[in-house]
Every structure is written in structure tokens, then in C-alpha cells.
Amino acid sequence: MMKMISHTCTDLFYPLNISLSYGTVSPEDYLRVLGHYGKWLDREQPYALLNIRDDASFENTPGLGKMAKGWMQKYLPLLQQYEQGIALVVPEARYEKVCKTNFEAISAGACKVFIHTDEALTWLAEGELKSLEGFNKWKAVKEYLKINSYE
């Protein structure tokens, strides 16, 4: 299957935001993704995040660390207030290392790492995330991921 996207974010299913990263992240990609995250936080409303990444998206592109640091200085207080939960889907080879990351230091809520998207969706649907109480767009989310995900 040919990949149609490499790095994208959507708030079509707000308050569940989705971020997909496939392939090496360029500075332009990263700025675009940070722009989406910033818009979500500028709403000053609680949300949850489903973040799906492939192995190549973890490759270190020069300059991204500096960009991330500047963005975090601006948005960390909002992240800690409004990002109520993160479900992060990673390749099995990255799972153990990513699990050691302290996401709770930057998020207002629970953060969990998964190998399979279905498990992440189940956790989000059955979790205690107040931002997703009454959320009824799971079928549409699954269709979106079927079209845009390459797991």
C-alpha cells in the first residue's frame, strides 16, 4: 500500500485529537505538527490524544530538539492543564524504551504506550478520561485510521 501521508494531525473527532507520524520527521513537518498541537491547546479545553508513530518517526532530525524546547516553554502549562490523556502507539521494537518516558510530567492525565492501535482505542474508550465522557465517534475514528494508518 502506498503511503498517502507522512505526518498529520486532526481534530475532526475533538475532544479526541489524532496525530500520525510515518517516516523521518522534517523540520517543516515538525513545525506543522506543533502548530496543530498549539491550536488544540489555545482552545483551553480538555482533550485526549491518540498518537501513532512508526519506527522511522523516532529518527533524530537535527534541529528538532531546539524547536521542541521552545514550543514546550510556551505550551507546557497548557499541556499540564488540558491534555487529559495520551494513548501512544509505537512499533514493538520501541515499546520498552518509550515506556520509560515520563509523559505524566507534561500531561494533565494518564499516558499509556501500546503496540497495537486497537488496544489504544479500547483504553481511550474504557478509560476514565473526563474529556471523552459521552464520546460517540469511535466508528468514525476507526474508519479514519483505516484510511490513514499503516500499522
Foldseek 3Di string as FASTA:
>chain_A
DDAPDAWDKDCPQPLEIEIEHHADADPVSLVVVLVVVVVNLVVLAAHEYEYEYEPRPPDDDPPVVVVVVVSCVVCQVSQLRHHAEYEYAYAPVCQVVVVPDDCNSRHVHYYDYHPDPVVSLVCVVPDPRPRCVVRDCSVVVVVVCVVNPDD
